[in-house]
Amino acid sequence: MPTIPDRQTYNALAALNFSGSKELLKSGAHFQAYLNRQQEETKALRLGSLTHALVLEPDAVESRFAAAPECDRRTKDGKAIYEAFVAGAAGKTVLSAEEFELAQNVAKSMRRARESLAIRFVATEVMLSVEYNGTLLKSAIDAVGSDGYLYDLKTTECASARGFLQSVRSYSYNLQAHFYRLVYQAATGERVRGFRFIVAEKSEPWAWAIYEIGPELMTFAAFEFEEAVVKYRSCKELDAWPGYPSEVQVVDINSKSVAVTPINFA
């Protein structure tokens, strides 16, 4: 499988990915802002990274993450304990003991979800690039299952079917499923059975669920994907990344915005 060797190489590769496509579907200006944005190490990002590592790369957790000791840094002993910890955790992502425990609980739920399907992950953190209709695409896929499905891990406040559907609409997970599946199949020449999401809640009772996205939403995603690719190629050729249209637009339920000529009421 022709994979990209590491995350640094992946991030440096100038190609259209899923996250960029979401921004590009808003406007070219949004896409450029996405490219230039400095990614801050937020609590959510730290938790997500650790949870993924616990499920997908458990052997790498110790070398990449560290749990800060619970000590009173205002005291001499506490300060010494923390300074010793910092020295030993150089280069690692540091989380609080509470954050570490939270990630471990979520990871346990995700592993239970995988075990319920009686599958194993034959490949994890699969980073690929492929040329599609003259456009370079890239994707970082969480896992390839022994059952022929691609898998993505999601943490959420609500893993119910209604809650996940809302997340699909809010975060374009259907576009993600289409994008990742297309890149994987084009890059490897292997057919996959589908794309599944393992979703786990971030609080007790640590509930989990597994979802596939239905044909109507996936058809819509295919159209959005093609729109993003065409827009990306056009903006690159013109070296122009415009924002929203300046014309007056009409929006309605289940319709795209349409520019119209202003009505003269005189």
C-alpha atoms as a PDB file:
ATOM      1  CA  MET A   1       0.000   0.000   0.000  1.00  0.00           C
ATOM      2  CA  PRO A   2       1.616   3.352  -1.089  1.00  0.00           C
ATOM      3  CA  THR A   3       1.244   5.256   2.171  1.00  0.00           C
ATOM      4  CA  ILE A   4       2.583   8.635   3.292  1.00  0.00           C
ATOM      5  CA  PRO A   5       5.232   7.766   5.927  1.00  0.00           C
ATOM      6  CA  ASP A   6       4.434  10.235   8.726  1.00  0.00           C
ATOM      7  CA  ARG A   7       2.170  13.068   9.838  1.00  0.00           C
ATOM      8  CA  GLN A   8       4.766  15.766   9.134  1.00  0.00           C
ATOM      9  CA  THR A   9       5.065  14.683   5.505  1.00  0.00           C
ATOM     10  CA  TYR A  10       1.281  14.450   5.249  1.00  0.00           C
ATOM     11  CA  ASN A  11       0.745  17.956   6.638  1.00  0.00           C
ATOM     12  CA  ALA A  12       3.374  19.425   4.312  1.00  0.00           C
ATOM     13  CA  LEU A  13       1.818  17.884   1.182  1.00  0.00           C
ATOM     14  CA  ALA A  14      -0.051  20.510  -0.845  1.00  0.00           C
ATOM     15  CA  ALA A  15      -3.233  18.616  -1.690  1.00  0.00           C
ATOM     16  CA  LEU A  16      -6.985  18.867  -1.181  1.00  0.00           C
ATOM     17  CA  ASN A  17      -8.225  17.008   1.893  1.00  0.00           C
ATOM     18  CA  PHE A  18     -11.619  16.568   3.534  1.00  0.00           C
ATOM     19  CA  SER A  19     -11.245  19.444   5.995  1.00  0.00           C
ATOM     20  CA  GLY A  20     -10.115  21.776   3.234  1.00  0.00           C
ATOM     21  CA  SER A  21     -13.036  20.695   1.052  1.00  0.00           C
ATOM     22  CA  LYS A  22     -15.512  21.709   3.747  1.00  0.00           C
ATOM     23  CA  GLU A  23     -14.017  25.194   3.842  1.00  0.00           C
ATOM     24  CA  LEU A  24     -13.772  25.420   0.056  1.00  0.00           C
ATOM     25  CA  LEU A  25     -17.485  24.675  -0.261  1.00  0.00           C
ATOM     26  CA  LYS A  26     -18.036  27.886   1.710  1.00  0.00           C
ATOM     27  CA  SER A  27     -15.615  29.932  -0.396  1.00  0.00           C
ATOM     28  CA  GLY A  28     -12.065  30.118  -1.655  1.00  0.00           C
ATOM     29  CA  ALA A  29     -11.299  32.718   1.001  1.00  0.00           C
ATOM     30  CA  HIS A  30     -12.371  30.279   3.734  1.00  0.00           C
ATOM     31  CA  PHE A  31     -10.067  27.637   2.262  1.00  0.00           C
ATOM     32  CA  GLN A  32      -7.084  29.977   2.325  1.00  0.00           C
ATOM     33  CA  ALA A  33      -7.868  30.986   5.906  1.00  0.00           C
ATOM     34  CA  TYR A  34      -7.976  27.273   6.804  1.00  0.00           C
ATOM     35  CA  LEU A  35      -4.542  26.705   5.246  1.00  0.00           C
ATOM     36  CA  ASN A  36      -3.015  29.672   7.077  1.00  0.00           C
ATOM     37  CA  ARG A  37      -4.630  28.979  10.437  1.00  0.00           C
ATOM     38  CA  GLN A  38      -2.319  28.000  13.266  1.00  0.00           C
ATOM     39  CA  GLN A  39      -3.695  24.888  14.949  1.00  0.00           C
ATOM     40  CA  GLU A  40      -3.848  25.448  18.694  1.00  0.00           C
ATOM     41  CA  GLU A  41      -3.385  22.551  21.081  1.00  0.00           C
ATOM     42  CA  THR A  42      -6.826  22.661  22.698  1.00  0.00           C
ATOM     43  CA  LYS A  43      -8.150  20.264  25.311  1.00  0.00           C
ATOM     44  CA  ALA A  44     -10.411  18.673  22.684  1.00  0.00           C
ATOM     45  CA  LEU A  45      -7.470  18.133  20.344  1.00  0.00           C
ATOM     46  CA  ARG A  46      -5.334  16.608  23.103  1.00  0.00           C
ATOM     47  CA  LEU A  47      -8.142  14.269  24.134  1.00  0.00           C
ATOM     48  CA  GLY A  48      -8.859  13.259  20.559  1.00  0.00           C
ATOM     49  CA  SER A  49      -5.208  12.548  19.819  1.00  0.00           C
ATOM     50  CA  LEU A  50      -4.767  10.443  22.957  1.00  0.00           C
ATOM     51  CA  THR A  51      -8.030   8.538  22.410  1.00  0.00           C
ATOM     52  CA  HIS A  52      -7.036   7.696  18.846  1.00  0.00           C
ATOM     53  CA  ALA A  53      -3.603   6.544  19.992  1.00  0.00           C
ATOM     54  CA  LEU A  54      -5.066   4.360  22.751  1.00  0.00           C
ATOM     55  CA  VAL A  55      -7.303   2.586  20.215  1.00  0.00           C
ATOM     56  CA  LEU A  56      -5.176   2.621  17.069  1.00  0.00           C
ATOM     57  CA  GLU A  57      -1.560   2.745  18.268  1.00  0.00           C
ATOM     58  CA  PRO A  58      -1.479   1.649  21.941  1.00  0.00           C
ATOM     59  CA  ASP A  59       2.237   0.827  21.801  1.00  0.00           C
ATOM     60  CA  ALA A  60       3.017   4.465  20.958  1.00  0.00           C
ATOM     61  CA  VAL A  61       1.056   6.041  23.826  1.00  0.00           C
ATOM     62  CA  GLU A  62       3.888   6.004  26.376  1.00  0.00           C
ATOM     63  CA  SER A  63       6.351   7.670  23.995  1.00  0.00           C
ATOM     64  CA  ARG A  64       3.904  10.373  22.821  1.00  0.00           C
ATOM     65  CA  PHE A  65       1.756  11.271  25.865  1.00  0.00           C
ATOM     66  CA  ALA A  66       2.216  11.924  29.561  1.00  0.00           C
ATOM     67  CA  ALA A  67      -0.168  12.435  32.474  1.00  0.00           C
ATOM     68  CA  ALA A  68       0.790  15.340  34.728  1.00  0.00           C
ATOM     69  CA  PRO A  69       1.208  14.367  38.404  1.00  0.00           C
ATOM     70  CA  GLU A  70      -1.324  15.607  40.929  1.00  0.00           C
ATOM     71  CA  CYS A  71       0.791  17.747  43.221  1.00  0.00           C
ATOM     72  CA  ASP A  72       0.702  21.171  44.858  1.00  0.00           C
ATOM     73  CA  ARG A  73       3.190  23.180  42.813  1.00  0.00           C
ATOM     74  CA  ARG A  74       3.103  25.967  45.411  1.00  0.00           C
ATOM     75  CA  THR A  75       5.045  23.768  47.838  1.00  0.00           C
ATOM     76  CA  LYS A  76       8.725  22.905  47.608  1.00  0.00           C
ATOM     77  CA  ASP A  77       8.071  19.182  47.242  1.00  0.00           C
ATOM     78  CA  GLY A  78       5.277  19.705  44.737  1.00  0.00           C
ATOM     79  CA  LYS A  79       7.408  22.035  42.657  1.00  0.00           C
ATOM     80  CA  ALA A  80      10.251  19.499  42.615  1.00  0.00           C
ATOM     81  CA  ILE A  81       7.888  16.699  41.575  1.00  0.00           C
ATOM     82  CA  TYR A  82       6.463  18.759  38.719  1.00  0.00           C
ATOM     83  CA  GLU A  83       9.870  19.939  37.470  1.00  0.00           C
ATOM     84  CA  ALA A  84      11.076  16.330  37.384  1.00  0.00           C
ATOM     85  CA  PHE A  85       7.950  15.380  35.432  1.00  0.00           C
ATOM     86  CA  VAL A  86       8.451  18.173  32.892  1.00  0.00           C
ATOM     87  CA  ALA A  87      12.051  17.101  32.314  1.00  0.00           C
ATOM     88  CA  GLY A  88      10.966  13.523  31.651  1.00  0.00           C
ATOM     89  CA  ALA A  89       8.014  14.503  29.460  1.00  0.00           C
ATOM     90  CA  ALA A  90       9.978  16.641  26.987  1.00  0.00           C
ATOM     91  CA  GLY A  91       8.503  16.322  23.487  1.00  0.00           C
ATOM     92  CA  LYS A  92       5.345  14.599  24.712  1.00  0.00           C
ATOM     93  CA  THR A  93       1.760  15.849  24.747  1.00  0.00           C
ATOM     94  CA  VAL A  94       0.917  16.547  28.387  1.00  0.00           C
ATOM     95  CA  LEU A  95      -2.584  15.982  29.755  1.00  0.00           C
ATOM     96  CA  SER A  96      -3.969  16.208  33.260  1.00  0.00           C
ATOM     97  CA  ALA A  97      -4.670  12.986  35.138  1.00  0.00           C
ATOM     98  CA  GLU A  98      -8.391  13.696  34.700  1.00  0.00           C
ATOM     99  CA  GLU A  99      -8.019  14.111  30.926  1.00  0.00           C
ATOM    100  CA  PHE A 100      -5.982  10.914  30.723  1.00  0.00           C
ATOM    101  CA  GLU A 101      -8.663   8.973  32.571  1.00  0.00           C
ATOM    102  CA  LEU A 102     -11.381  10.413  30.334  1.00  0.00           C
ATOM    103  CA  ALA A 103      -9.516   9.369  27.179  1.00  0.00           C
ATOM    104  CA  GLN A 104      -8.963   5.874  28.586  1.00  0.00           C
ATOM    105  CA  ASN A 105     -12.688   5.453  29.304  1.00  0.00           C
ATOM    106  CA  VAL A 106     -13.660   6.623  25.810  1.00  0.00           C
ATOM    107  CA  ALA A 107     -11.037   4.348  24.256  1.00  0.00           C
ATOM    108  CA  LYS A 108     -12.420   1.366  26.198  1.00  0.00           C
ATOM    109  CA  SER A 109     -15.857   2.084  24.720  1.00  0.00           C
ATOM    110  CA  MET A 110     -14.425   2.231  21.208  1.00  0.00           C
ATOM    111  CA  ARG A 111     -12.609  -1.058  21.698  1.00  0.00           C
ATOM    112  CA  ARG A 112     -15.852  -2.651  22.931  1.00  0.00           C
ATOM    113  CA  ALA A 113     -17.568  -1.372  19.791  1.00  0.00           C
ATOM    114  CA  ARG A 114     -14.905  -2.965  17.602  1.00  0.00           C
ATOM    115  CA  GLU A 115     -15.106  -6.219  19.552  1.00  0.00           C
ATOM    116  CA  SER A 116     -18.891  -6.293  19.054  1.00  0.00           C
ATOM    117  CA  LEU A 117     -18.234  -6.606  15.316  1.00  0.00           C
ATOM    118  CA  ALA A 118     -15.662  -9.361  15.904  1.00  0.00           C
ATOM    119  CA  ILE A 119     -13.136  -7.615  13.684  1.00  0.00           C
ATOM    120  CA  ARG A 120      -9.563  -6.430  13.939  1.00  0.00           C
ATOM    121  CA  PHE A 121      -7.933  -3.415  12.384  1.00  0.00           C
ATOM    122  CA  VAL A 122      -5.503  -4.642   9.733  1.00  0.00           C
ATOM    123  CA  ALA A 123      -4.069  -1.131   9.201  1.00  0.00           C
ATOM    124  CA  THR A 124      -4.304   2.085  11.218  1.00  0.00           C
ATOM    125  CA  GLU A 125      -3.438   5.743  10.619  1.00  0.00           C
ATOM    126  CA  VAL A 126      -3.384   5.120   6.866  1.00  0.00           C
ATOM    127  CA  MET A 127      -2.253   8.317   5.104  1.00  0.00           C
ATOM    128  CA  LEU A 128      -2.642   8.302   1.321  1.00  0.00           C
ATOM    129  CA  SER A 129      -2.465  10.640  -1.646  1.00  0.00           C
ATOM    130  CA  VAL A 130      -3.831  10.189  -5.153  1.00  0.00           C
ATOM    131  CA  GLU A 131      -4.408  12.254  -8.269  1.00  0.00           C
ATOM    132  CA  TYR A 132      -8.060  12.586  -9.232  1.00  0.00           C
ATOM    133  CA  ASN A 133      -8.999  14.347 -12.479  1.00  0.00           C
ATOM    134  CA  GLY A 134      -5.849  16.446 -12.344  1.00  0.00           C
ATOM    135  CA  THR A 135      -6.222  17.287  -8.653  1.00  0.00           C
ATOM    136  CA  LEU A 136      -3.998  15.900  -5.892  1.00  0.00           C
ATOM    137  CA  LEU A 137      -6.035  14.568  -2.966  1.00  0.00           C
ATOM    138  CA  LYS A 138      -4.917  13.296   0.429  1.00  0.00           C
ATOM    139  CA  SER A 139      -6.621  11.514   3.313  1.00  0.00           C
ATOM    140  CA  ALA A 140      -5.657  10.251   6.767  1.00  0.00           C
ATOM    141  CA  ILE A 141      -7.871   7.235   7.447  1.00  0.00           C
ATOM    142  CA  ASP A 142      -8.172   5.963  11.019  1.00  0.00           C
ATOM    143  CA  ALA A 143      -8.442   2.241  10.306  1.00  0.00           C
ATOM    144  CA  VAL A 144      -9.013  -0.497   7.751  1.00  0.00           C
ATOM    145  CA  GLY A 145     -11.063  -3.345   9.155  1.00  0.00           C
ATOM    146  CA  SER A 146     -10.603  -7.057   8.518  1.00  0.00           C
ATOM    147  CA  ASP A 147     -14.245  -7.035   7.378  1.00  0.00           C
ATOM    148  CA  GLY A 148     -13.462  -4.832   4.362  1.00  0.00           C
ATOM    149  CA  TYR A 149     -14.794  -1.577   5.839  1.00  0.00           C
ATOM    150  CA  LEU A 150     -12.957   1.668   6.518  1.00  0.00           C
ATOM    151  CA  TYR A 151     -13.437   3.051  10.037  1.00  0.00           C
ATOM    152  CA  ASP A 152     -13.320   6.475  11.659  1.00  0.00           C
ATOM    153  CA  LEU A 153     -13.384   7.185  15.399  1.00  0.00           C
ATOM    154  CA  LYS A 154     -15.542  10.008  16.767  1.00  0.00           C
ATOM    155  CA  THR A 155     -16.071  11.276  20.314  1.00  0.00           C
ATOM    156  CA  THR A 156     -19.290  13.119  21.052  1.00  0.00           C
ATOM    157  CA  GLU A 157     -21.662  14.339  23.725  1.00  0.00           C
ATOM    158  CA  CYS A 158     -24.510  12.220  22.287  1.00  0.00           C
ATOM    159  CA  ALA A 159     -24.008   9.000  20.323  1.00  0.00           C
ATOM    160  CA  SER A 160     -27.700   8.372  19.672  1.00  0.00           C
ATOM    161  CA  ALA A 161     -28.871   8.002  16.069  1.00  0.00           C
ATOM    162  CA  ARG A 162     -30.534  11.418  16.233  1.00  0.00           C
ATOM    163  CA  GLY A 163     -27.440  12.981  17.787  1.00  0.00           C
ATOM    164  CA  PHE A 164     -25.123  11.464  15.199  1.00  0.00           C
ATOM    165  CA  LEU A 165     -27.348  12.542  12.317  1.00  0.00           C
ATOM    166  CA  GLN A 166     -27.118  16.086  13.629  1.00  0.00           C
ATOM    167  CA  SER A 167     -23.316  15.734  13.725  1.00  0.00           C
ATOM    168  CA  VAL A 168     -23.302  14.405  10.154  1.00  0.00           C
ATOM    169  CA  ARG A 169     -25.143  17.503   8.999  1.00  0.00           C
ATOM    170  CA  SER A 170     -23.081  19.901  11.103  1.00  0.00           C
ATOM    171  CA  TYR A 171     -19.646  18.471  10.264  1.00  0.00           C
ATOM    172  CA  SER A 172     -20.263  16.933   6.805  1.00  0.00           C
ATOM    173  CA  TYR A 173     -19.339  13.413   7.894  1.00  0.00           C
ATOM    174  CA  ASN A 174     -21.009  12.088   4.735  1.00  0.00           C
ATOM    175  CA  LEU A 175     -18.495  14.069   2.675  1.00  0.00           C
ATOM    176  CA  GLN A 176     -15.705  12.623   4.815  1.00  0.00           C
ATOM    177  CA  ALA A 177     -16.932   9.071   4.171  1.00  0.00           C
ATOM    178  CA  HIS A 178     -17.096   9.658   0.406  1.00  0.00           C
ATOM    179  CA  PHE A 179     -13.725  11.449   0.285  1.00  0.00           C
ATOM    180  CA  TYR A 180     -11.841   8.815   2.301  1.00  0.00           C
ATOM    181  CA  ARG A 181     -13.378   5.874   0.481  1.00  0.00           C
ATOM    182  CA  LEU A 182     -12.611   7.357  -2.936  1.00  0.00           C
ATOM    183  CA  VAL A 183      -8.988   8.162  -2.032  1.00  0.00           C
ATOM    184  CA  TYR A 184      -8.407   4.726  -0.509  1.00  0.00           C
ATOM    185  CA  GLN A 185      -9.805   2.844  -3.482  1.00  0.00           C
ATOM    186  CA  ALA A 186      -7.999   5.021  -6.033  1.00  0.00           C
ATOM    187  CA  ALA A 187      -4.664   4.807  -4.193  1.00  0.00           C
ATOM    188  CA  THR A 188      -4.726   1.075  -3.453  1.00  0.00           C
ATOM    189  CA  GLY A 189      -6.879  -0.389  -6.198  1.00  0.00           C
ATOM    190  CA  GLU A 190      -8.819  -2.234  -3.484  1.00  0.00           C
ATOM    191  CA  ARG A 191     -12.602  -2.171  -3.245  1.00  0.00           C
ATOM    192  CA  VAL A 192     -14.067  -1.572   0.214  1.00  0.00           C
ATOM    193  CA  ARG A 193     -17.482  -2.622   1.453  1.00  0.00           C
ATOM    194  CA  GLY A 194     -18.246   0.763   2.969  1.00  0.00           C
ATOM    195  CA  PHE A 195     -17.337   3.350   5.582  1.00  0.00           C
ATOM    196  CA  ARG A 196     -18.310   3.133   9.249  1.00  0.00           C
ATOM    197  CA  PHE A 197     -18.066   5.473  12.222  1.00  0.00           C
ATOM    198  CA  ILE A 198     -17.368   4.223  15.753  1.00  0.00           C
ATOM    199  CA  VAL A 199     -18.886   6.873  18.014  1.00  0.00           C
ATOM    200  CA  ALA A 200     -18.356   7.063  21.787  1.00  0.00           C
ATOM    201  CA  GLU A 201     -19.712   9.473  24.375  1.00  0.00           C
ATOM    202  CA  LYS A 202     -17.417  11.510  26.635  1.00  0.00           C
ATOM    203  CA  SER A 203     -19.275  10.849  29.887  1.00  0.00           C
ATOM    204  CA  GLU A 204     -20.906   8.011  31.813  1.00  0.00           C
ATOM    205  CA  PRO A 205     -22.251   5.523  30.966  1.00  0.00           C
ATOM    206  CA  TRP A 206     -19.626   5.765  28.177  1.00  0.00           C
ATOM    207  CA  ALA A 207     -22.195   4.678  25.613  1.00  0.00           C
ATOM    208  CA  TRP A 208     -21.102   3.843  22.073  1.00  0.00           C
ATOM    209  CA  ALA A 209     -22.649   3.121  18.697  1.00  0.00           C
ATOM    210  CA  ILE A 210     -21.565   2.229  15.160  1.00  0.00           C
ATOM    211  CA  TYR A 211     -23.011   3.993  12.137  1.00  0.00           C
ATOM    212  CA  GLU A 212     -23.038   3.888   8.362  1.00  0.00           C
ATOM    213  CA  ILE A 213     -24.472   6.814   6.414  1.00  0.00           C
ATOM    214  CA  GLY A 214     -27.439   6.136   4.151  1.00  0.00           C
ATOM    215  CA  PRO A 215     -27.601   6.435   0.347  1.00  0.00           C
ATOM    216  CA  GLU A 216     -29.372   9.800   0.163  1.00  0.00           C
ATOM    217  CA  LEU A 217     -26.771  11.594   2.262  1.00  0.00           C
ATOM    218  CA  MET A 218     -23.961   9.773   0.449  1.00  0.00           C
ATOM    219  CA  THR A 219     -25.338  10.802  -2.954  1.00  0.00           C
ATOM    220  CA  PHE A 220     -25.406  14.404  -1.764  1.00  0.00           C
ATOM    221  CA  ALA A 221     -21.797  14.001  -0.576  1.00  0.00           C
ATOM    222  CA  ALA A 222     -20.706  12.784  -4.022  1.00  0.00           C
ATOM    223  CA  PHE A 223     -22.064  15.980  -5.609  1.00  0.00           C
ATOM    224  CA  GLU A 224     -20.380  18.132  -2.942  1.00  0.00           C
ATOM    225  CA  PHE A 225     -17.086  16.325  -3.488  1.00  0.00           C
ATOM    226  CA  GLU A 226     -17.131  16.984  -7.235  1.00  0.00           C
ATOM    227  CA  GLU A 227     -18.044  20.624  -6.591  1.00  0.00           C
ATOM    228  CA  ALA A 228     -15.085  21.003  -4.229  1.00  0.00           C
ATOM    229  CA  VAL A 229     -12.650  19.402  -6.694  1.00  0.00           C
ATOM    230  CA  VAL A 230     -13.796  21.630  -9.573  1.00  0.00           C
ATOM    231  CA  LYS A 231     -13.622  24.724  -7.370  1.00  0.00           C
ATOM    232  CA  TYR A 232     -10.150  23.812  -6.111  1.00  0.00           C
ATOM    233  CA  ARG A 233      -8.811  23.253  -9.611  1.00  0.00           C
ATOM    234  CA  SER A 234     -10.365  26.488 -10.908  1.00  0.00           C
ATOM    235  CA  CYS A 235      -9.075  28.612  -8.020  1.00  0.00           C
ATOM    236  CA  LYS A 236      -5.575  27.166  -8.411  1.00  0.00           C
ATOM    237  CA  GLU A 237      -5.501  27.819 -12.154  1.00  0.00           C
ATOM    238  CA  LEU A 238      -6.649  31.418 -11.707  1.00  0.00           C
ATOM    239  CA  ASP A 239      -4.662  31.923  -8.491  1.00  0.00           C
ATOM    240  CA  ALA A 240      -7.798  33.548  -7.073  1.00  0.00           C
ATOM    241  CA  TRP A 241      -9.588  32.534  -3.889  1.00  0.00           C
ATOM    242  CA  PRO A 242     -12.717  34.720  -3.653  1.00  0.00           C
ATOM    243  CA  GLY A 243     -15.164  34.957  -0.762  1.00  0.00           C
ATOM    244  CA  TYR A 244     -18.946  34.886  -1.005  1.00  0.00           C
ATOM    245  CA  PRO A 245     -20.684  36.361  -4.077  1.00  0.00           C
ATOM    246  CA  SER A 246     -21.383  40.088  -3.874  1.00  0.00           C
ATOM    247  CA  GLU A 247     -24.779  39.726  -5.592  1.00  0.00           C
ATOM    248  CA  VAL A 248     -28.064  39.524  -3.684  1.00  0.00           C
ATOM    249  CA  GLN A 249     -28.920  35.854  -3.127  1.00  0.00           C
ATOM    250  CA  VAL A 250     -32.168  34.015  -2.385  1.00  0.00           C
ATOM    251  CA  VAL A 251     -32.186  31.066  -0.001  1.00  0.00           C
ATOM    252  CA  ASP A 252     -35.025  28.674   0.766  1.00  0.00           C
ATOM    253  CA  ILE A 253     -35.630  25.272   2.317  1.00  0.00           C
ATOM    254  CA  ASN A 254     -33.729  22.494   0.526  1.00  0.00           C
ATOM    255  CA  SER A 255     -32.236  24.845  -2.042  1.00  0.00           C
ATOM    256  CA  LYS A 256     -28.883  26.425  -2.782  1.00  0.00           C
ATOM    257  CA  SER A 257     -28.509  30.177  -2.747  1.00  0.00           C
ATOM    258  CA  VAL A 258     -29.195  31.823  -6.105  1.00  0.00           C
ATOM    259  CA  ALA A 259     -28.126  35.315  -7.158  1.00  0.00           C
ATOM    260  CA  VAL A 260     -31.045  37.435  -8.394  1.00  0.00           C
ATOM    261  CA  THR A 261     -31.628  40.790  -9.983  1.00  0.00           C
ATOM    262  CA  PRO A 262     -33.052  43.261  -7.419  1.00  0.00           C
ATOM    263  CA  ILE A 263     -36.778  43.999  -7.916  1.00  0.00           C
ATOM    264  CA  ASN A 264     -37.655  47.594  -8.743  1.00  0.00           C
ATOM    265  CA  PHE A 265     -40.809  48.511  -6.798  1.00  0.00           C
ATOM    266  CA  ALA A 266     -41.075  52.051  -8.257  1.00  0.00           C
END
